[in-house]
């Protein structure tokens, strides 16, 4: 069974898209170090440029 987690990848406001991407990359690396696998990156239509990562890990029954 898979366990899913949604995580904001670039929390906080940054005026630079480049800084947002660096934050996102750091958060992705942090989550994968904890055993989560990245399934997808989503950019919701919220007008603020937030990025959300969809992560999962296999849970043993």
PDB file of N, CA and C in Angstrom:
ATOM      1  N   UNK A   1       0.849  -1.161   0.000  1.00  0.00           N
ATOM      2  CA  UNK A   1       0.000   0.000   0.000  1.00  0.00           C
ATOM      3  C   UNK A   1       0.903   1.235   0.000  1.00  0.00           C
ATOM      4  N   UNK A   2       0.523   2.250  -0.750  1.00  0.00           N
ATOM      5  CA  UNK A   2       1.299   3.475  -0.825  1.00  0.00           C
ATOM      6  C   UNK A   2       0.748   4.522   0.136  1.00  0.00           C
ATOM      7  N   UNK A   3       1.659   5.234   0.770  1.00  0.00           N
ATOM      8  CA  UNK A   3       1.314   6.368   1.617  1.00  0.00           C
ATOM      9  C   UNK A   3       1.747   7.621   0.845  1.00  0.00           C
ATOM     10  N   UNK A   4       0.865   8.599   0.752  1.00  0.00           N
ATOM     11  CA  UNK A   4       1.145   9.818  -0.013  1.00  0.00           C
ATOM     12  C   UNK A   4       1.283  11.023   0.902  1.00  0.00           C
ATOM     13  N   UNK A   5       2.055  11.992   0.441  1.00  0.00           N
ATOM     14  CA  UNK A   5       2.257  13.221   1.195  1.00  0.00           C
ATOM     15  C   UNK A   5       2.383  14.373   0.193  1.00  0.00           C
ATOM     16  N   UNK A   6       1.654  15.463   0.450  1.00  0.00           N
ATOM     17  CA  UNK A   6       1.757  16.666  -0.368  1.00  0.00           C
ATOM     18  C   UNK A   6       2.590  17.683   0.405  1.00  0.00           C
ATOM     19  N   UNK A   7       3.594  18.266  -0.263  1.00  0.00           N
ATOM     20  CA  UNK A   7       4.526  19.154   0.416  1.00  0.00           C
ATOM     21  C   UNK A   7       4.738  20.408  -0.435  1.00  0.00           C
ATOM     22  N   UNK A   8       4.636  21.581   0.213  1.00  0.00           N
ATOM     23  CA  UNK A   8       5.007  22.820  -0.477  1.00  0.00           C
ATOM     24  C   UNK A   8       6.516  22.810  -0.654  1.00  0.00           C
ATOM     25  N   UNK A   9       6.959  22.984  -1.878  1.00  0.00           N
ATOM     26  CA  UNK A   9       8.379  22.911  -2.176  1.00  0.00           C
ATOM     27  C   UNK A   9       9.087  24.251  -2.050  1.00  0.00           C
ATOM     28  N   UNK A  10       8.355  25.331  -2.155  1.00  0.00           N
ATOM     29  CA  UNK A  10       8.977  26.661  -2.085  1.00  0.00           C
ATOM     30  C   UNK A  10       8.173  27.565  -1.163  1.00  0.00           C
ATOM     31  N   UNK A  11       8.147  27.185   0.117  1.00  0.00           N
ATOM     32  CA  UNK A  11       7.409  27.971   1.110  1.00  0.00           C
ATOM     33  C   UNK A  11       7.997  29.365   1.229  1.00  0.00           C
ATOM     34  N   UNK A  12       7.140  30.319   1.496  1.00  0.00           N
ATOM     35  CA  UNK A  12       7.594  31.697   1.628  1.00  0.00           C
ATOM     36  C   UNK A  12       7.564  32.396   0.287  1.00  0.00           C
ATOM     37  N   UNK A  13       7.692  33.694   0.316  1.00  0.00           N
ATOM     38  CA  UNK A  13       7.612  34.477  -0.917  1.00  0.00           C
ATOM     39  C   UNK A  13       9.009  34.860  -1.374  1.00  0.00           C
ATOM     40  N   UNK A  14       9.270  34.639  -2.646  1.00  0.00           N
ATOM     41  CA  UNK A  14      10.541  35.026  -3.246  1.00  0.00           C
ATOM     42  C   UNK A  14      10.234  35.737  -4.551  1.00  0.00           C
ATOM     43  N   UNK A  15      10.937  36.817  -4.802  1.00  0.00           N
ATOM     44  CA  UNK A  15      10.703  37.585  -6.025  1.00  0.00           C
ATOM     45  C   UNK A  15      11.424  36.973  -7.221  1.00  0.00           C
ATOM     46  N   UNK A  16      12.177  35.916  -6.986  1.00  0.00           N
ATOM     47  CA  UNK A  16      12.973  35.302  -8.049  1.00  0.00           C
ATOM     48  C   UNK A  16      12.538  33.864  -8.281  1.00  0.00           C
ATOM     49  N   UNK A  17      12.201  33.546  -9.494  1.00  0.00           N
ATOM     50  CA  UNK A  17      11.819  32.172  -9.839  1.00  0.00           C
ATOM     51  C   UNK A  17      13.007  31.231  -9.644  1.00  0.00           C
ATOM     52  N   UNK A  18      14.206  31.741  -9.881  1.00  0.00           N
ATOM     53  CA  UNK A  18      15.409  30.934  -9.701  1.00  0.00           C
ATOM     54  C   UNK A  18      15.571  30.519  -8.234  1.00  0.00           C
ATOM     55  N   UNK A  19      15.331  31.448  -7.298  1.00  0.00           N
ATOM     56  CA  UNK A  19      15.407  31.127  -5.875  1.00  0.00           C
ATOM     57  C   UNK A  19      14.324  30.129  -5.488  1.00  0.00           C
ATOM     58  N   UNK A  20      13.138  30.263  -6.082  1.00  0.00           N
ATOM     59  CA  UNK A  20      12.058  29.302  -5.824  1.00  0.00           C
ATOM     60  C   UNK A  20      12.476  27.895  -6.245  1.00  0.00           C
ATOM     61  N   UNK A  21      13.132  27.791  -7.380  1.00  0.00           N
ATOM     62  CA  UNK A  21      13.553  26.478  -7.869  1.00  0.00           C
ATOM     63  C   UNK A  21      14.645  25.875  -6.993  1.00  0.00           C
ATOM     64  N   UNK A  22      15.532  26.707  -6.475  1.00  0.00           N
ATOM     65  CA  UNK A  22      16.573  26.222  -5.563  1.00  0.00           C
ATOM     66  C   UNK A  22      15.921  25.689  -4.290  1.00  0.00           C
ATOM     67  N   UNK A  23      14.950  26.438  -3.736  1.00  0.00           N
ATOM     68  CA  UNK A  23      14.222  25.982  -2.537  1.00  0.00           C
ATOM     69  C   UNK A  23      13.528  24.649  -2.808  1.00  0.00           C
ATOM     70  N   UNK A  24      12.898  24.555  -3.986  1.00  0.00           N
ATOM     71  CA  UNK A  24      12.180  23.331  -4.343  1.00  0.00           C
ATOM     72  C   UNK A  24      13.140  22.146  -4.422  1.00  0.00           C
ATOM     73  N   UNK A  25      14.288  22.358  -5.041  1.00  0.00           N
ATOM     74  CA  UNK A  25      15.271  21.280  -5.163  1.00  0.00           C
ATOM     75  C   UNK A  25      15.768  20.830  -3.786  1.00  0.00           C
ATOM     76  N   UNK A  26      16.016  21.773  -2.895  1.00  0.00           N
ATOM     77  CA  UNK A  26      16.467  21.434  -1.548  1.00  0.00           C
ATOM     78  C   UNK A  26      15.409  20.619  -0.804  1.00  0.00           C
ATOM     79  N   UNK A  27      14.144  21.004  -0.937  1.00  0.00           N
ATOM     80  CA  UNK A  27      13.058  20.283  -0.253  1.00  0.00           C
ATOM     81  C   UNK A  27      12.883  18.879  -0.834  1.00  0.00           C
ATOM     82  N   UNK A  28      12.999  18.754  -2.149  1.00  0.00           N
ATOM     83  CA  UNK A  28      12.902  17.431  -2.784  1.00  0.00           C
ATOM     84  C   UNK A  28      14.011  16.528  -2.260  1.00  0.00           C
ATOM     85  N   UNK A  29      15.237  17.044  -2.193  1.00  0.00           N
ATOM     86  CA  UNK A  29      16.356  16.246  -1.680  1.00  0.00           C
ATOM     87  C   UNK A  29      16.143  15.853  -0.223  1.00  0.00           C
ATOM     88  N   UNK A  30      15.605  16.763   0.578  1.00  0.00           N
ATOM     89  CA  UNK A  30      15.318  16.478   1.982  1.00  0.00           C
ATOM     90  C   UNK A  30      14.303  15.340   2.108  1.00  0.00           C
ATOM     91  N   UNK A  31      13.243  15.405   1.316  1.00  0.00           N
ATOM     92  CA  UNK A  31      12.193  14.382   1.392  1.00  0.00           C
ATOM     93  C   UNK A  31      12.714  13.025   0.910  1.00  0.00           C
ATOM     94  N   UNK A  32      13.507  13.003  -0.153  1.00  0.00           N
ATOM     95  CA  UNK A  32      14.027  11.724  -0.647  1.00  0.00           C
ATOM     96  C   UNK A  32      15.025  11.128   0.334  1.00  0.00           C
ATOM     97  N   UNK A  33      15.760  11.978   1.054  1.00  0.00           N
ATOM     98  CA  UNK A  33      16.654  11.475   2.098  1.00  0.00           C
ATOM     99  C   UNK A  33      15.870  10.796   3.215  1.00  0.00           C
ATOM    100  N   UNK A  34      14.610  11.188   3.409  1.00  0.00           N
ATOM    101  CA  UNK A  34      13.752  10.594   4.441  1.00  0.00           C
ATOM    102  C   UNK A  34      13.021   9.343   3.929  1.00  0.00           C
ATOM    103  N   UNK A  35      13.319   8.938   2.697  1.00  0.00           N
ATOM    104  CA  UNK A  35      12.724   7.709   2.168  1.00  0.00           C
ATOM    105  C   UNK A  35      11.511   7.911   1.277  1.00  0.00           C
ATOM    106  N   UNK A  36      11.116   9.156   1.047  1.00  0.00           N
ATOM    107  CA  UNK A  36       9.977   9.439   0.172  1.00  0.00           C
ATOM    108  C   UNK A  36      10.450   9.476  -1.279  1.00  0.00           C
ATOM    109  N   UNK A  37       9.574   9.077  -2.191  1.00  0.00           N
ATOM    110  CA  UNK A  37       9.865   9.151  -3.625  1.00  0.00           C
ATOM    111  C   UNK A  37       8.975  10.212  -4.247  1.00  0.00           C
ATOM    112  N   UNK A  38       9.583  11.036  -5.085  1.00  0.00           N
ATOM    113  CA  UNK A  38       8.831  12.090  -5.767  1.00  0.00           C
ATOM    114  C   UNK A  38       8.038  11.482  -6.910  1.00  0.00           C
ATOM    115  N   UNK A  39       6.745  11.716  -6.913  1.00  0.00           N
ATOM    116  CA  UNK A  39       5.899  11.238  -8.007  1.00  0.00           C
ATOM    117  C   UNK A  39       5.656  12.344  -9.021  1.00  0.00           C
ATOM    118  N   UNK A  40       5.409  13.565  -8.521  1.00  0.00           N
ATOM    119  CA  UNK A  40       5.015  14.640  -9.424  1.00  0.00           C
ATOM    120  C   UNK A  40       5.220  15.990  -8.750  1.00  0.00           C
ATOM    121  N   UNK A  41       5.521  17.008  -9.557  1.00  0.00           N
ATOM    122  CA  UNK A  41       5.547  18.392  -9.088  1.00  0.00           C
ATOM    123  C   UNK A  41       4.377  19.101  -9.745  1.00  0.00           C
ATOM    124  N   UNK A  42       3.579  19.790  -8.923  1.00  0.00           N
ATOM    125  CA  UNK A  42       2.372  20.458  -9.405  1.00  0.00           C
ATOM    126  C   UNK A  42       2.490  21.941  -9.097  1.00  0.00           C
ATOM    127  N   UNK A  43       2.088  22.757 -10.048  1.00  0.00           N
ATOM    128  CA  UNK A  43       2.032  24.199  -9.837  1.00  0.00           C
ATOM    129  C   UNK A  43       0.560  24.606  -9.850  1.00  0.00           C
ATOM    130  N   UNK A  44      -0.047  24.701  -8.651  1.00  0.00           N
ATOM    131  CA  UNK A  44      -1.471  25.046  -8.590  1.00  0.00           C
ATOM    132  C   UNK A  44      -1.736  26.419  -9.210  1.00  0.00           C
ATOM    133  N   UNK A  45      -2.913  26.597  -9.677  1.00  0.00           N
ATOM    134  CA  UNK A  45      -3.300  27.869 -10.292  1.00  0.00           C
ATOM    135  C   UNK A  45      -3.718  28.841  -9.190  1.00  0.00           C
ATOM    136  N   UNK A  46      -2.734  29.220  -8.361  1.00  0.00           N
ATOM    137  CA  UNK A  46      -3.041  30.107  -7.242  1.00  0.00           C
ATOM    138  C   UNK A  46      -2.500  31.515  -7.449  1.00  0.00           C
ATOM    139  N   UNK A  47      -1.768  31.737  -8.533  1.00  0.00           N
ATOM    140  CA  UNK A  47      -1.276  33.072  -8.845  1.00  0.00           C
ATOM    141  C   UNK A  47      -0.053  33.500  -8.057  1.00  0.00           C
ATOM    142  N   UNK A  48       0.426  32.667  -7.128  1.00  0.00           N
ATOM    143  CA  UNK A  48       1.600  33.058  -6.349  1.00  0.00           C
ATOM    144  C   UNK A  48       2.839  32.241  -6.686  1.00  0.00           C
ATOM    145  N   UNK A  49       2.731  31.313  -7.589  1.00  0.00           N
ATOM    146  CA  UNK A  49       3.895  30.543  -8.018  1.00  0.00           C
ATOM    147  C   UNK A  49       4.302  29.420  -7.095  1.00  0.00           C
ATOM    148  N   UNK A  50       3.384  28.943  -6.267  1.00  0.00           N
ATOM    149  CA  UNK A  50       3.711  27.844  -5.358  1.00  0.00           C
ATOM    150  C   UNK A  50       3.942  26.565  -6.148  1.00  0.00           C
ATOM    151  N   UNK A  51       4.853  25.744  -5.644  1.00  0.00           N
ATOM    152  CA  UNK A  51       5.092  24.419  -6.200  1.00  0.00           C
ATOM    153  C   UNK A  51       4.781  23.398  -5.122  1.00  0.00           C
ATOM    154  N   UNK A  52       4.051  22.358  -5.495  1.00  0.00           N
ATOM    155  CA  UNK A  52       3.686  21.302  -4.557  1.00  0.00           C
ATOM    156  C   UNK A  52       4.266  19.996  -5.073  1.00  0.00           C
ATOM    157  N   UNK A  53       4.925  19.270  -4.181  1.00  0.00           N
ATOM    158  CA  UNK A  53       5.458  17.960  -4.542  1.00  0.00           C
ATOM    159  C   UNK A  53       4.537  16.876  -4.035  1.00  0.00           C
ATOM    160  N   UNK A  54       4.281  15.902  -4.880  1.00  0.00           N
ATOM    161  CA  UNK A  54       3.504  14.726  -4.484  1.00  0.00           C
ATOM    162  C   UNK A  54       4.526  13.602  -4.262  1.00  0.00           C
ATOM    163  N   UNK A  55       4.645  13.185  -3.016  1.00  0.00           N
ATOM    164  CA  UNK A  55       5.605  12.155  -2.639  1.00  0.00           C
ATOM    165  C   UNK A  55       4.859  10.913  -2.168  1.00  0.00           C
ATOM    166  N   UNK A  56       5.523   9.757  -2.288  1.00  0.00           N
ATOM    167  CA  UNK A  56       4.921   8.531  -1.778  1.00  0.00           C
ATOM    168  C   UNK A  56       6.016   7.611  -1.261  1.00  0.00           C
ATOM    169  N   UNK A  57       5.604   6.688  -0.427  1.00  0.00           N
ATOM    170  CA  UNK A  57       6.481   5.592  -0.022  1.00  0.00           C
ATOM    171  C   UNK A  57       5.619   4.367   0.201  1.00  0.00           C
ATOM    172  N   UNK A  58       6.217   3.232  -0.035  1.00  0.00           N
ATOM    173  CA  UNK A  58       5.513   1.979   0.158  1.00  0.00           C
ATOM    174  C   UNK A  58       5.414   1.684   1.646  1.00  0.00           C
ATOM    175  N   UNK A  59       4.221   1.369   2.070  1.00  0.00           N
ATOM    176  CA  UNK A  59       3.993   1.000   3.464  1.00  0.00           C
ATOM    177  C   UNK A  59       3.711  -0.493   3.506  1.00  0.00           C
ATOM    178  N   UNK A  60       4.456  -1.193   4.325  1.00  0.00           N
ATOM    179  CA  UNK A  60       4.259  -2.645   4.441  1.00  0.00           C
ATOM    180  C   UNK A  60       3.120  -2.929   5.392  1.00  0.00           C
ATOM    181  N   UNK A  61       2.293  -3.880   5.007  1.00  0.00           N
ATOM    182  CA  UNK A  61       1.152  -4.260   5.834  1.00  0.00           C
ATOM    183  C   UNK A  61       1.516  -5.350   6.803  1.00  0.00           C
TER     184      UNK A  61
END
